[in-house]
Amino acid sequence: MHFTRITVDPAQMGGVPYLRGLRIPVATVVGMLADGMTVDEVVNELPDLDSEDVWESLRFAAEAVRERQLPLIIPA
């Protein structure tokens, strides 16, 4: 998958993925969605972003999780 709006540069922001050089971390956007905000609410809160930035952040996060093995706790 190719991401055109996500920047990952070890020399900037400690290598944390962020949007279009704006220094808005992908994790911030995904966290806002996880807290129940709509795409429009995120864009209103972070007016430098547009809806495609928000959707690409979500796709990036999904791909990041897919690429890693996460420790799961199996309930007894």
N, C-alpha and C. Protein backbone atom coordinates (compact mmCIF):
# COMPACT_ATOMS: atom_id res chain seq x y z
N MET A 1 0.85 -1.17 0.00
CA MET A 1 0.00 0.00 0.00
C MET A 1 0.90 1.24 0.00
N HIS A 2 0.52 2.23 -0.78
CA HIS A 2 1.32 3.45 -0.92
C HIS A 2 0.59 4.61 -0.24
N PHE A 3 1.32 5.36 0.56
CA PHE A 3 0.74 6.50 1.28
C PHE A 3 1.39 7.78 0.80
N THR A 4 0.59 8.69 0.29
CA THR A 4 1.12 9.93 -0.26
C THR A 4 1.05 11.09 0.73
N ARG A 5 0.29 10.94 1.80
CA ARG A 5 0.09 12.02 2.76
C ARG A 5 0.81 11.81 4.08
N ILE A 6 1.43 10.64 4.23
CA ILE A 6 2.10 10.30 5.49
C ILE A 6 3.60 10.46 5.31
N THR A 7 4.22 11.14 6.26
CA THR A 7 5.67 11.32 6.27
C THR A 7 6.24 10.55 7.45
N VAL A 8 7.28 9.76 7.17
CA VAL A 8 8.03 9.09 8.24
C VAL A 8 9.49 9.39 7.99
N ASP A 9 10.07 10.18 8.88
CA ASP A 9 11.46 10.61 8.74
C ASP A 9 12.12 10.51 10.11
N PRO A 10 13.09 9.61 10.26
CA PRO A 10 13.75 9.44 11.56
C PRO A 10 14.36 10.74 12.10
N ALA A 11 14.67 11.69 11.21
CA ALA A 11 15.28 12.94 11.64
C ALA A 11 14.24 13.98 12.09
N GLN A 12 12.96 13.66 11.93
CA GLN A 12 11.90 14.59 12.34
C GLN A 12 10.90 13.88 13.23
N MET A 13 10.52 14.53 14.27
CA MET A 13 9.52 14.03 15.21
C MET A 13 9.85 12.63 15.73
N GLY A 14 11.13 12.34 15.83
CA GLY A 14 11.56 11.05 16.37
C GLY A 14 11.11 9.86 15.54
N GLY A 15 10.83 10.08 14.27
CA GLY A 15 10.42 8.99 13.40
C GLY A 15 8.93 8.66 13.48
N VAL A 16 8.18 9.42 14.26
CA VAL A 16 6.73 9.20 14.39
C VAL A 16 6.06 9.58 13.07
N PRO A 17 5.19 8.73 12.52
CA PRO A 17 4.48 9.07 11.29
C PRO A 17 3.60 10.31 11.49
N TYR A 18 3.68 11.23 10.54
CA TYR A 18 2.87 12.45 10.63
C TYR A 18 2.37 12.83 9.25
N LEU A 19 1.47 13.79 9.21
CA LEU A 19 0.78 14.13 7.97
C LEU A 19 1.43 15.28 7.22
N ARG A 20 1.72 15.05 5.96
CA ARG A 20 2.15 16.05 4.97
C ARG A 20 3.12 17.10 5.47
N GLY A 21 4.02 16.74 6.34
CA GLY A 21 4.97 17.72 6.83
C GLY A 21 4.37 18.71 7.80
N LEU A 22 3.15 18.49 8.23
CA LEU A 22 2.47 19.43 9.12
C LEU A 22 2.77 19.18 10.60
N ARG A 23 3.49 18.12 10.87
CA ARG A 23 3.82 17.76 12.25
C ARG A 23 2.57 17.45 13.09
N ILE A 24 1.57 16.93 12.43
CA ILE A 24 0.39 16.40 13.11
C ILE A 24 0.51 14.88 13.03
N PRO A 25 0.77 14.23 14.18
CA PRO A 25 0.99 12.78 14.16
C PRO A 25 -0.26 12.01 13.72
N VAL A 26 -0.02 10.95 12.98
CA VAL A 26 -1.10 10.04 12.59
C VAL A 26 -1.82 9.55 13.84
N ALA A 27 -1.07 9.25 14.89
CA ALA A 27 -1.67 8.74 16.13
C ALA A 27 -2.66 9.73 16.74
N THR A 28 -2.40 11.01 16.59
CA THR A 28 -3.32 12.03 17.11
C THR A 28 -4.65 11.95 16.38
N VAL A 29 -4.59 11.85 15.06
CA VAL A 29 -5.81 11.79 14.25
C VAL A 29 -6.58 10.50 14.54
N VAL A 30 -5.88 9.38 14.58
CA VAL A 30 -6.55 8.11 14.86
C VAL A 30 -7.15 8.11 16.26
N GLY A 31 -6.45 8.70 17.21
CA GLY A 31 -6.97 8.79 18.57
C GLY A 31 -8.24 9.62 18.64
N MET A 32 -8.29 10.69 17.87
CA MET A 32 -9.49 11.51 17.85
C MET A 32 -10.68 10.73 17.31
N LEU A 33 -10.45 9.94 16.25
CA LEU A 33 -11.51 9.09 15.71
C LEU A 33 -11.92 8.03 16.73
N ALA A 34 -10.94 7.44 17.40
CA ALA A 34 -11.23 6.42 18.40
C ALA A 34 -12.03 6.98 19.58
N ASP A 35 -11.85 8.26 19.85
CA ASP A 35 -12.60 8.91 20.93
C ASP A 35 -14.02 9.29 20.50
N GLY A 36 -14.36 8.98 19.26
CA GLY A 36 -15.73 9.20 18.82
C GLY A 36 -15.96 10.40 17.93
N MET A 37 -14.90 11.11 17.58
CA MET A 37 -15.07 12.27 16.70
C MET A 37 -15.32 11.79 15.28
N THR A 38 -16.09 12.57 14.53
CA THR A 38 -16.31 12.29 13.13
C THR A 38 -15.16 12.88 12.32
N VAL A 39 -15.09 12.50 11.06
CA VAL A 39 -14.06 13.05 10.17
C VAL A 39 -14.21 14.57 10.10
N ASP A 40 -15.44 15.05 9.96
CA ASP A 40 -15.67 16.50 9.91
C ASP A 40 -15.21 17.20 11.18
N GLU A 41 -15.45 16.58 12.33
CA GLU A 41 -15.03 17.17 13.60
C GLU A 41 -13.51 17.23 13.70
N VAL A 42 -12.84 16.19 13.22
CA VAL A 42 -11.36 16.19 13.24
C VAL A 42 -10.85 17.32 12.34
N VAL A 43 -11.41 17.46 11.15
CA VAL A 43 -10.97 18.50 10.22
C VAL A 43 -11.26 19.89 10.80
N ASN A 44 -12.38 20.04 11.50
CA ASN A 44 -12.68 21.33 12.13
C ASN A 44 -11.70 21.64 13.26
N GLU A 45 -11.30 20.60 13.99
CA GLU A 45 -10.36 20.78 15.11
C GLU A 45 -8.93 21.02 14.61
N LEU A 46 -8.58 20.40 13.48
CA LEU A 46 -7.25 20.52 12.89
C LEU A 46 -7.41 21.05 11.46
N PRO A 47 -7.66 22.34 11.31
CA PRO A 47 -8.04 22.90 10.00
C PRO A 47 -6.98 22.81 8.91
N ASP A 48 -5.75 22.47 9.25
CA ASP A 48 -4.73 22.27 8.21
C ASP A 48 -4.95 20.95 7.47
N LEU A 49 -5.77 20.07 8.03
CA LEU A 49 -6.05 18.77 7.43
C LEU A 49 -7.31 18.83 6.58
N ASP A 50 -7.42 17.86 5.67
CA ASP A 50 -8.68 17.66 4.97
C ASP A 50 -9.12 16.22 5.19
N SER A 51 -10.28 15.88 4.71
CA SER A 51 -10.83 14.56 5.00
C SER A 51 -9.95 13.44 4.46
N GLU A 52 -9.28 13.65 3.32
CA GLU A 52 -8.39 12.61 2.80
C GLU A 52 -7.21 12.35 3.74
N ASP A 53 -6.72 13.38 4.42
CA ASP A 53 -5.67 13.18 5.42
C ASP A 53 -6.16 12.25 6.53
N VAL A 54 -7.37 12.48 6.96
CA VAL A 54 -7.95 11.68 8.04
C VAL A 54 -8.11 10.22 7.59
N TRP A 55 -8.67 10.03 6.40
CA TRP A 55 -8.86 8.66 5.91
C TRP A 55 -7.53 7.95 5.68
N GLU A 56 -6.54 8.66 5.17
CA GLU A 56 -5.24 8.02 4.96
C GLU A 56 -4.58 7.68 6.29
N SER A 57 -4.79 8.50 7.31
CA SER A 57 -4.28 8.17 8.65
C SER A 57 -4.87 6.86 9.15
N LEU A 58 -6.15 6.69 8.93
CA LEU A 58 -6.82 5.47 9.37
C LEU A 58 -6.32 4.26 8.58
N ARG A 59 -6.14 4.41 7.27
CA ARG A 59 -5.60 3.31 6.47
C ARG A 59 -4.17 2.98 6.88
N PHE A 60 -3.37 4.00 7.17
CA PHE A 60 -2.00 3.80 7.61
C PHE A 60 -1.97 3.02 8.93
N ALA A 61 -2.82 3.41 9.86
CA ALA A 61 -2.88 2.72 11.16
C ALA A 61 -3.30 1.27 10.99
N ALA A 62 -4.27 1.02 10.12
CA ALA A 62 -4.71 -0.36 9.87
C ALA A 62 -3.57 -1.19 9.28
N GLU A 63 -2.84 -0.61 8.37
CA GLU A 63 -1.71 -1.32 7.76
C GLU A 63 -0.60 -1.56 8.78
N ALA A 64 -0.36 -0.60 9.64
CA ALA A 64 0.68 -0.75 10.67
C ALA A 64 0.35 -1.90 11.62
N VAL A 65 -0.90 -2.02 11.98
CA VAL A 65 -1.32 -3.11 12.87
C VAL A 65 -1.22 -4.44 12.14
N ARG A 66 -1.59 -4.45 10.89
CA ARG A 66 -1.55 -5.68 10.09
C ARG A 66 -0.12 -6.20 9.95
N GLU A 67 0.85 -5.30 9.94
CA GLU A 67 2.25 -5.67 9.73
C GLU A 67 2.96 -6.15 10.98
N ARG A 68 2.33 -6.06 12.12
CA ARG A 68 3.00 -6.42 13.38
C ARG A 68 2.27 -7.55 14.06
N GLN A 69 3.04 -8.32 14.83
CA GLN A 69 2.42 -9.31 15.70
C GLN A 69 2.16 -8.64 17.02
N LEU A 70 0.93 -8.63 17.43
CA LEU A 70 0.55 -8.01 18.70
C LEU A 70 0.35 -9.07 19.75
N PRO A 71 0.83 -8.81 20.96
CA PRO A 71 0.60 -9.80 22.04
C PRO A 71 -0.88 -9.78 22.43
N LEU A 72 -1.49 -10.92 22.40
CA LEU A 72 -2.88 -11.03 22.80
C LEU A 72 -2.99 -11.83 24.08
N ILE A 73 -3.85 -11.38 24.94
CA ILE A 73 -4.11 -12.12 26.17
C ILE A 73 -5.38 -12.92 25.95
N ILE A 74 -5.26 -14.21 26.05
CA ILE A 74 -6.41 -15.09 25.85
C ILE A 74 -7.10 -15.25 27.20
N PRO A 75 -8.38 -14.87 27.27
CA PRO A 75 -9.09 -14.99 28.54
C PRO A 75 -9.21 -16.44 28.98
N ALA A 76 -9.15 -16.62 30.29
CA ALA A 76 -9.22 -17.98 30.84
C ALA A 76 -10.62 -18.54 30.76
